[in-house]
Amino acid sequence: MAIKKDEDKELQRLFNLKDDCERAIDNMSDEQLMIYNMRFVNSDYLGWYEIADRLHYSVRTIYNKRYKMLELLAIEKGLISPEIIDK
């Protein structure tokens, strides 16, 4: 079973993605983590509109915050450098 796991490229890609996601989550601010939990961890599966409503933000603001969370993942995956974010 372990050999099969090591040889399965798709499975390895998914394990690597999981590791990247966990590192990105570790780097989230408290607010980002709250939004992440409301969207992906909460058993109610809240949509972006519901999250905006509950946090009293505009939908545009929530999408901007989501974009920043995706930037954290992109940094962990090596797709962009942190210096790009600072500009």
PDB file of N, CA and C in Angstrom:
ATOM      1  N   MET A   1       0.830  -1.189   0.000  1.00  0.00           N
ATOM      2  CA  MET A   1       0.000   0.000   0.000  1.00  0.00           C
ATOM      3  C   MET A   1       0.876   1.255   0.000  1.00  0.00           C
ATOM      4  N   ALA A   2       1.947   1.265   0.801  1.00  0.00           N
ATOM      5  CA  ALA A   2       2.835   2.431   0.867  1.00  0.00           C
ATOM      6  C   ALA A   2       3.520   2.660  -0.470  1.00  0.00           C
ATOM      7  N   ILE A   3       3.905   1.593  -1.151  1.00  0.00           N
ATOM      8  CA  ILE A   3       4.560   1.729  -2.460  1.00  0.00           C
ATOM      9  C   ILE A   3       3.573   2.323  -3.457  1.00  0.00           C
ATOM     10  N   LYS A   4       2.350   1.835  -3.438  1.00  0.00           N
ATOM     11  CA  LYS A   4       1.318   2.360  -4.326  1.00  0.00           C
ATOM     12  C   LYS A   4       1.124   3.856  -4.094  1.00  0.00           C
ATOM     13  N   LYS A   5       1.093   4.261  -2.814  1.00  0.00           N
ATOM     14  CA  LYS A   5       0.927   5.671  -2.457  1.00  0.00           C
ATOM     15  C   LYS A   5       2.088   6.499  -3.001  1.00  0.00           C
ATOM     16  N   ASP A   6       3.307   5.997  -2.874  1.00  0.00           N
ATOM     17  CA  ASP A   6       4.481   6.736  -3.331  1.00  0.00           C
ATOM     18  C   ASP A   6       4.526   6.856  -4.852  1.00  0.00           C
ATOM     19  N   GLU A   7       3.932   5.902  -5.553  1.00  0.00           N
ATOM     20  CA  GLU A   7       3.979   5.905  -7.011  1.00  0.00           C
ATOM     21  C   GLU A   7       2.816   6.662  -7.643  1.00  0.00           C
ATOM     22  N   ASP A   8       1.780   6.933  -6.889  1.00  0.00           N
ATOM     23  CA  ASP A   8       0.591   7.604  -7.415  1.00  0.00           C
ATOM     24  C   ASP A   8       0.821   9.113  -7.445  1.00  0.00           C
ATOM     25  N   LYS A   9       1.070   9.652  -8.644  1.00  0.00           N
ATOM     26  CA  LYS A   9       1.392  11.080  -8.782  1.00  0.00           C
ATOM     27  C   LYS A   9       0.226  11.981  -8.384  1.00  0.00           C
ATOM     28  N   GLU A  10      -0.986  11.594  -8.712  1.00  0.00           N
ATOM     29  CA  GLU A  10      -2.148  12.401  -8.347  1.00  0.00           C
ATOM     30  C   GLU A  10      -2.327  12.428  -6.836  1.00  0.00           C
ATOM     31  N   LEU A  11      -2.136  11.285  -6.194  1.00  0.00           N
ATOM     32  CA  LEU A  11      -2.239  11.228  -4.747  1.00  0.00           C
ATOM     33  C   LEU A  11      -1.160  12.093  -4.089  1.00  0.00           C
ATOM     34  N   GLN A  12       0.050  12.053  -4.622  1.00  0.00           N
ATOM     35  CA  GLN A  12       1.132  12.892  -4.095  1.00  0.00           C
ATOM     36  C   GLN A  12       0.820  14.369  -4.277  1.00  0.00           C
ATOM     37  N   ARG A  13       0.235  14.717  -5.443  1.00  0.00           N
ATOM     38  CA  ARG A  13      -0.141  16.116  -5.690  1.00  0.00           C
ATOM     39  C   ARG A  13      -1.167  16.568  -4.650  1.00  0.00           C
ATOM     40  N   LEU A  14      -2.117  15.699  -4.342  1.00  0.00           N
ATOM     41  CA  LEU A  14      -3.145  16.058  -3.359  1.00  0.00           C
ATOM     42  C   LEU A  14      -2.570  16.181  -1.951  1.00  0.00           C
ATOM     43  N   PHE A  15      -1.629  15.290  -1.597  1.00  0.00           N
ATOM     44  CA  PHE A  15      -0.971  15.402  -0.294  1.00  0.00           C
ATOM     45  C   PHE A  15      -0.177  16.701  -0.197  1.00  0.00           C
ATOM     46  N   ASN A  16       0.511  17.059  -1.275  1.00  0.00           N
ATOM     47  CA  ASN A  16       1.282  18.310  -1.296  1.00  0.00           C
ATOM     48  C   ASN A  16       0.353  19.515  -1.191  1.00  0.00           C
ATOM     49  N   LEU A  17      -0.782  19.465  -1.890  1.00  0.00           N
ATOM     50  CA  LEU A  17      -1.757  20.553  -1.808  1.00  0.00           C
ATOM     51  C   LEU A  17      -2.299  20.685  -0.385  1.00  0.00           C
ATOM     52  N   LYS A  18      -2.571  19.562   0.244  1.00  0.00           N
ATOM     53  CA  LYS A  18      -3.056  19.577   1.635  1.00  0.00           C
ATOM     54  C   LYS A  18      -2.017  20.244   2.547  1.00  0.00           C
ATOM     55  N   ASP A  19      -0.750  19.893   2.377  1.00  0.00           N
ATOM     56  CA  ASP A  19       0.315  20.505   3.180  1.00  0.00           C
ATOM     57  C   ASP A  19       0.398  22.009   2.933  1.00  0.00           C
ATOM     58  N   ASP A  20       0.311  22.418   1.656  1.00  0.00           N
ATOM     59  CA  ASP A  20       0.344  23.839   1.321  1.00  0.00           C
ATOM     60  C   ASP A  20      -0.841  24.572   1.952  1.00  0.00           C
ATOM     61  N   CYS A  21      -2.007  23.956   1.898  1.00  0.00           N
ATOM     62  CA  CYS A  21      -3.210  24.570   2.490  1.00  0.00           C
ATOM     63  C   CYS A  21      -3.053  24.732   3.999  1.00  0.00           C
ATOM     64  N   GLU A  22      -2.512  23.720   4.652  1.00  0.00           N
ATOM     65  CA  GLU A  22      -2.323  23.805   6.104  1.00  0.00           C
ATOM     66  C   GLU A  22      -1.350  24.916   6.478  1.00  0.00           C
ATOM     67  N   ARG A  23      -0.295  25.095   5.683  1.00  0.00           N
ATOM     68  CA  ARG A  23       0.650  26.195   5.954  1.00  0.00           C
ATOM     69  C   ARG A  23      -0.013  27.545   5.710  1.00  0.00           C
ATOM     70  N   ALA A  24      -0.820  27.644   4.665  1.00  0.00           N
ATOM     71  CA  ALA A  24      -1.531  28.901   4.389  1.00  0.00           C
ATOM     72  C   ALA A  24      -2.494  29.217   5.534  1.00  0.00           C
ATOM     73  N   ILE A  25      -3.204  28.210   6.032  1.00  0.00           N
ATOM     74  CA  ILE A  25      -4.120  28.407   7.158  1.00  0.00           C
ATOM     75  C   ILE A  25      -3.357  28.880   8.388  1.00  0.00           C
ATOM     76  N   ASP A  26      -2.177  28.325   8.609  1.00  0.00           N
ATOM     77  CA  ASP A  26      -1.357  28.740   9.757  1.00  0.00           C
ATOM     78  C   ASP A  26      -0.949  30.209   9.661  1.00  0.00           C
ATOM     79  N   ASN A  27      -0.885  30.749   8.439  1.00  0.00           N
ATOM     80  CA  ASN A  27      -0.465  32.140   8.239  1.00  0.00           C
ATOM     81  C   ASN A  27      -1.635  33.122   8.153  1.00  0.00           C
ATOM     82  N   MET A  28      -2.851  32.631   8.307  1.00  0.00           N
ATOM     83  CA  MET A  28      -4.018  33.510   8.225  1.00  0.00           C
ATOM     84  C   MET A  28      -4.154  34.360   9.477  1.00  0.00           C
ATOM     85  N   SER A  29      -4.680  35.558   9.279  1.00  0.00           N
ATOM     86  CA  SER A  29      -5.022  36.416  10.408  1.00  0.00           C
ATOM     87  C   SER A  29      -6.233  35.806  11.116  1.00  0.00           C
ATOM     88  N   ASP A  30      -6.549  36.322  12.279  1.00  0.00           N
ATOM     89  CA  ASP A  30      -7.727  35.823  13.005  1.00  0.00           C
ATOM     90  C   ASP A  30      -8.999  36.004  12.176  1.00  0.00           C
ATOM     91  N   GLU A  31      -9.108  37.140  11.515  1.00  0.00           N
ATOM     92  CA  GLU A  31     -10.291  37.403  10.698  1.00  0.00           C
ATOM     93  C   GLU A  31     -10.360  36.438   9.513  1.00  0.00           C
ATOM     94  N   GLN A  32      -9.234  36.230   8.842  1.00  0.00           N
ATOM     95  CA  GLN A  32      -9.209  35.290   7.723  1.00  0.00           C
ATOM     96  C   GLN A  32      -9.567  33.881   8.179  1.00  0.00           C
ATOM     97  N   LEU A  33      -9.050  33.503   9.327  1.00  0.00           N
ATOM     98  CA  LEU A  33      -9.342  32.176   9.859  1.00  0.00           C
ATOM     99  C   LEU A  33     -10.829  32.039  10.187  1.00  0.00           C
ATOM    100  N   MET A  34     -11.426  33.088  10.714  1.00  0.00           N
ATOM    101  CA  MET A  34     -12.852  33.060  11.014  1.00  0.00           C
ATOM    102  C   MET A  34     -13.658  32.879   9.720  1.00  0.00           C
ATOM    103  N   ILE A  35     -13.291  33.615   8.683  1.00  0.00           N
ATOM    104  CA  ILE A  35     -13.983  33.499   7.403  1.00  0.00           C
ATOM    105  C   ILE A  35     -13.781  32.105   6.817  1.00  0.00           C
ATOM    106  N   TYR A  36     -12.556  31.603   6.877  1.00  0.00           N
ATOM    107  CA  TYR A  36     -12.255  30.250   6.392  1.00  0.00           C
ATOM    108  C   TYR A  36     -13.124  29.214   7.117  1.00  0.00           C
ATOM    109  N   ASN A  37     -13.204  29.324   8.430  1.00  0.00           N
ATOM    110  CA  ASN A  37     -14.005  28.379   9.207  1.00  0.00           C
ATOM    111  C   ASN A  37     -15.489  28.469   8.856  1.00  0.00           C
ATOM    112  N   MET A  38     -15.976  29.686   8.652  1.00  0.00           N
ATOM    113  CA  MET A  38     -17.390  29.854   8.301  1.00  0.00           C
ATOM    114  C   MET A  38     -17.694  29.233   6.941  1.00  0.00           C
ATOM    115  N   ARG A  39     -16.751  29.322   6.033  1.00  0.00           N
ATOM    116  CA  ARG A  39     -16.973  28.838   4.670  1.00  0.00           C
ATOM    117  C   ARG A  39     -16.702  27.335   4.532  1.00  0.00           C
ATOM    118  N   PHE A  40     -15.580  26.871   5.085  1.00  0.00           N
ATOM    119  CA  PHE A  40     -15.126  25.517   4.782  1.00  0.00           C
ATOM    120  C   PHE A  40     -15.210  24.523   5.935  1.00  0.00           C
ATOM    121  N   VAL A  41     -15.243  25.001   7.167  1.00  0.00           N
ATOM    122  CA  VAL A  41     -15.229  24.096   8.310  1.00  0.00           C
ATOM    123  C   VAL A  41     -16.628  23.956   8.909  1.00  0.00           C
ATOM    124  N   ASN A  42     -17.371  25.029   8.890  1.00  0.00           N
ATOM    125  CA  ASN A  42     -18.719  25.059   9.444  1.00  0.00           C
ATOM    126  C   ASN A  42     -19.598  24.034   8.731  1.00  0.00           C
ATOM    127  N   SER A  43     -20.332  23.254   9.477  1.00  0.00           N
ATOM    128  CA  SER A  43     -21.196  22.234   8.880  1.00  0.00           C
ATOM    129  C   SER A  43     -22.380  22.842   8.123  1.00  0.00           C
ATOM    130  N   ASP A  44     -22.643  24.136   8.322  1.00  0.00           N
ATOM    131  CA  ASP A  44     -23.729  24.801   7.602  1.00  0.00           C
ATOM    132  C   ASP A  44     -23.344  25.154   6.169  1.00  0.00           C
ATOM    133  N   TYR A  45     -22.060  25.092   5.840  1.00  0.00           N
ATOM    134  CA  TYR A  45     -21.540  25.468   4.522  1.00  0.00           C
ATOM    135  C   TYR A  45     -22.112  26.814   4.077  1.00  0.00           C
ATOM    136  N   LEU A  46     -21.634  27.845   4.703  1.00  0.00           N
ATOM    137  CA  LEU A  46     -22.102  29.193   4.385  1.00  0.00           C
ATOM    138  C   LEU A  46     -21.490  29.669   3.077  1.00  0.00           C
ATOM    139  N   GLY A  47     -22.297  30.333   2.286  1.00  0.00           N
ATOM    140  CA  GLY A  47     -21.802  30.946   1.059  1.00  0.00           C
ATOM    141  C   GLY A  47     -21.193  32.304   1.363  1.00  0.00           C
ATOM    142  N   TRP A  48     -20.570  32.891   0.362  1.00  0.00           N
ATOM    143  CA  TRP A  48     -19.902  34.184   0.551  1.00  0.00           C
ATOM    144  C   TRP A  48     -20.909  35.274   0.903  1.00  0.00           C
ATOM    145  N   TYR A  49     -22.099  35.207   0.338  1.00  0.00           N
ATOM    146  CA  TYR A  49     -23.129  36.201   0.653  1.00  0.00           C
ATOM    147  C   TYR A  49     -23.583  36.084   2.108  1.00  0.00           C
ATOM    148  N   GLU A  50     -23.750  34.855   2.572  1.00  0.00           N
ATOM    149  CA  GLU A  50     -24.158  34.647   3.966  1.00  0.00           C
ATOM    150  C   GLU A  50     -23.073  35.094   4.936  1.00  0.00           C
ATOM    151  N   ILE A  51     -21.834  34.837   4.574  1.00  0.00           N
ATOM    152  CA  ILE A  51     -20.714  35.267   5.427  1.00  0.00           C
ATOM    153  C   ILE A  51     -20.686  36.786   5.502  1.00  0.00           C
ATOM    154  N   ALA A  52     -20.842  37.443   4.357  1.00  0.00           N
ATOM    155  CA  ALA A  52     -20.862  38.911   4.333  1.00  0.00           C
ATOM    156  C   ALA A  52     -21.977  39.435   5.226  1.00  0.00           C
ATOM    157  N   ASP A  53     -23.131  38.819   5.138  1.00  0.00           N
ATOM    158  CA  ASP A  53     -24.275  39.254   5.942  1.00  0.00           C
ATOM    159  C   ASP A  53     -24.007  39.065   7.431  1.00  0.00           C
ATOM    160  N   ARG A  54     -23.488  37.927   7.810  1.00  0.00           N
ATOM    161  CA  ARG A  54     -23.233  37.642   9.232  1.00  0.00           C
ATOM    162  C   ARG A  54     -22.156  38.533   9.823  1.00  0.00           C
ATOM    163  N   LEU A  55     -21.165  38.897   9.004  1.00  0.00           N
ATOM    164  CA  LEU A  55     -20.068  39.735   9.507  1.00  0.00           C
ATOM    165  C   LEU A  55     -20.323  41.219   9.260  1.00  0.00           C
ATOM    166  N   HIS A  56     -21.448  41.550   8.649  1.00  0.00           N
ATOM    167  CA  HIS A  56     -21.814  42.943   8.357  1.00  0.00           C
ATOM    168  C   HIS A  56     -20.792  43.610   7.449  1.00  0.00           C
ATOM    169  N   TYR A  57     -20.349  42.852   6.431  1.00  0.00           N
ATOM    170  CA  TYR A  57     -19.463  43.367   5.388  1.00  0.00           C
ATOM    171  C   TYR A  57     -20.220  43.355   4.076  1.00  0.00           C
ATOM    172  N   SER A  58     -19.740  44.139   3.134  1.00  0.00           N
ATOM    173  CA  SER A  58     -20.300  44.035   1.791  1.00  0.00           C
ATOM    174  C   SER A  58     -19.772  42.744   1.163  1.00  0.00           C
ATOM    175  N   VAL A  59     -20.480  42.281   0.157  1.00  0.00           N
ATOM    176  CA  VAL A  59     -20.042  41.073  -0.548  1.00  0.00           C
ATOM    177  C   VAL A  59     -18.691  41.333  -1.214  1.00  0.00           C
ATOM    178  N   ARG A  60     -18.525  42.519  -1.744  1.00  0.00           N
ATOM    179  CA  ARG A  60     -17.245  42.877  -2.381  1.00  0.00           C
ATOM    180  C   ARG A  60     -16.095  42.775  -1.373  1.00  0.00           C
ATOM    181  N   THR A  61     -16.309  43.248  -0.156  1.00  0.00           N
ATOM    182  CA  THR A  61     -15.277  43.168   0.881  1.00  0.00           C
ATOM    183  C   THR A  61     -14.937  41.714   1.187  1.00  0.00           C
ATOM    184  N   ILE A  62     -15.945  40.867   1.279  1.00  0.00           N
ATOM    185  CA  ILE A  62     -15.692  39.444   1.550  1.00  0.00           C
ATOM    186  C   ILE A  62     -14.909  38.815   0.406  1.00  0.00           C
ATOM    187  N   TYR A  63     -15.258  39.158  -0.832  1.00  0.00           N
ATOM    188  CA  TYR A  63     -14.501  38.617  -1.969  1.00  0.00           C
ATOM    189  C   TYR A  63     -13.061  39.126  -1.964  1.00  0.00           C
ATOM    190  N   ASN A  64     -12.845  40.367  -1.567  1.00  0.00           N
ATOM    191  CA  ASN A  64     -11.475  40.886  -1.454  1.00  0.00           C
ATOM    192  C   ASN A  64     -10.702  40.132  -0.378  1.00  0.00           C
ATOM    193  N   LYS A  65     -11.356  39.828   0.730  1.00  0.00           N
ATOM    194  CA  LYS A  65     -10.711  39.073   1.803  1.00  0.00           C
ATOM    195  C   LYS A  65     -10.429  37.637   1.348  1.00  0.00           C
ATOM    196  N   ARG A  66     -11.345  37.069   0.585  1.00  0.00           N
ATOM    197  CA  ARG A  66     -11.133  35.727   0.029  1.00  0.00           C
ATOM    198  C   ARG A  66      -9.914  35.727  -0.899  1.00  0.00           C
ATOM    199  N   TYR A  67      -9.806  36.777  -1.706  1.00  0.00           N
ATOM    200  CA  TYR A  67      -8.673  36.895  -2.622  1.00  0.00           C
ATOM    201  C   TYR A  67      -7.352  36.914  -1.856  1.00  0.00           C
ATOM    202  N   LYS A  68      -7.310  37.625  -0.741  1.00  0.00           N
ATOM    203  CA  LYS A  68      -6.101  37.677   0.083  1.00  0.00           C
ATOM    204  C   LYS A  68      -5.774  36.294   0.653  1.00  0.00           C
ATOM    205  N   MET A  69      -6.814  35.527   1.011  1.00  0.00           N
ATOM    206  CA  MET A  69      -6.597  34.172   1.514  1.00  0.00           C
ATOM    207  C   MET A  69      -6.036  33.281   0.408  1.00  0.00           C
ATOM    208  N   LEU A  70      -6.522  33.463  -0.820  1.00  0.00           N
ATOM    209  CA  LEU A  70      -5.987  32.696  -1.948  1.00  0.00           C
ATOM    210  C   LEU A  70      -4.545  33.082  -2.257  1.00  0.00           C
ATOM    211  N   GLU A  71      -4.202  34.350  -2.022  1.00  0.00           N
ATOM    212  CA  GLU A  71      -2.810  34.768  -2.200  1.00  0.00           C
ATOM    213  C   GLU A  71      -1.893  34.023  -1.237  1.00  0.00           C
ATOM    214  N   LEU A  72      -2.350  33.807  -0.009  1.00  0.00           N
ATOM    215  CA  LEU A  72      -1.547  33.041   0.952  1.00  0.00           C
ATOM    216  C   LEU A  72      -1.275  31.634   0.429  1.00  0.00           C
ATOM    217  N   LEU A  73      -2.292  31.006  -0.148  1.00  0.00           N
ATOM    218  CA  LEU A  73      -2.108  29.674  -0.711  1.00  0.00           C
ATOM    219  C   LEU A  73      -1.165  29.715  -1.907  1.00  0.00           C
ATOM    220  N   ALA A  74      -1.287  30.717  -2.750  1.00  0.00           N
ATOM    221  CA  ALA A  74      -0.415  30.847  -3.911  1.00  0.00           C
ATOM    222  C   ALA A  74       1.041  31.017  -3.487  1.00  0.00           C
ATOM    223  N   ILE A  75       1.266  31.738  -2.406  1.00  0.00           N
ATOM    224  CA  ILE A  75       2.626  31.889  -1.881  1.00  0.00           C
ATOM    225  C   ILE A  75       3.155  30.534  -1.422  1.00  0.00           C
ATOM    226  N   GLU A  76       2.341  29.789  -0.687  1.00  0.00           N
ATOM    227  CA  GLU A  76       2.770  28.474  -0.192  1.00  0.00           C
ATOM    228  C   GLU A  76       3.049  27.507  -1.331  1.00  0.00           C
ATOM    229  N   LYS A  77       2.305  27.605  -2.412  1.00  0.00           N
ATOM    230  CA  LYS A  77       2.512  26.740  -3.562  1.00  0.00           C
ATOM    231  C   LYS A  77       3.680  27.220  -4.431  1.00  0.00           C
ATOM    232  N   GLY A  78       4.208  28.416  -4.124  1.00  0.00           N
ATOM    233  CA  GLY A  78       5.319  28.944  -4.905  1.00  0.00           C
ATOM    234  C   GLY A  78       4.893  29.567  -6.218  1.00  0.00           C
ATOM    235  N   LEU A  79       3.617  29.878  -6.346  1.00  0.00           N
ATOM    236  CA  LEU A  79       3.119  30.472  -7.581  1.00  0.00           C
ATOM    237  C   LEU A  79       3.380  31.970  -7.656  1.00  0.00           C
ATOM    238  N   ILE A  80       3.439  32.634  -6.507  1.00  0.00           N
ATOM    239  CA  ILE A  80       3.795  34.046  -6.432  1.00  0.00           C
ATOM    240  C   ILE A  80       4.733  34.238  -5.255  1.00  0.00           C
ATOM    241  N   SER A  81       5.479  35.314  -5.299  1.00  0.00           N
ATOM    242  CA  SER A  81       6.391  35.588  -4.192  1.00  0.00           C
ATOM    243  C   SER A  81       5.735  36.581  -3.238  1.00  0.00           C
ATOM    244  N   PRO A  82       6.113  36.518  -1.961  1.00  0.00           N
ATOM    245  CA  PRO A  82       5.522  37.457  -0.985  1.00  0.00           C
ATOM    246  C   PRO A  82       5.773  38.917  -1.343  1.00  0.00           C
ATOM    247  N   GLU A  83       6.836  39.202  -2.066  1.00  0.00           N
ATOM    248  CA  GLU A  83       7.142  40.592  -2.433  1.00  0.00           C
ATOM    249  C   GLU A  83       6.079  41.188  -3.327  1.00  0.00           C
ATOM    250  N   ILE A  84       5.422  40.354  -4.132  1.00  0.00           N
ATOM    251  CA  ILE A  84       4.363  40.853  -5.011  1.00  0.00           C
ATOM    252  C   ILE A  84       3.206  41.383  -4.194  1.00  0.00           C
ATOM    253  N   ILE A  85       2.906  40.711  -3.091  1.00  0.00           N
ATOM    254  CA  ILE A  85       1.793  41.094  -2.224  1.00  0.00           C
ATOM    255  C   ILE A  85       2.060  42.445  -1.568  1.00  0.00           C
ATOM    256  N   ASP A  86       3.315  42.687  -1.210  1.00  0.00           N
ATOM    257  CA  ASP A  86       3.661  43.914  -0.485  1.00  0.00           C
ATOM    258  C   ASP A  86       3.568  45.158  -1.353  1.00  0.00           C
ATOM    259  N   LYS A  87       3.511  44.992  -2.663  1.00  0.00           N
ATOM    260  CA  LYS A  87       3.490  46.165  -3.557  1.00  0.00           C
ATOM    261  C   LYS A  87       2.142  46.788  -3.626  1.00  0.00           C
TER     262      LYS A  87
END
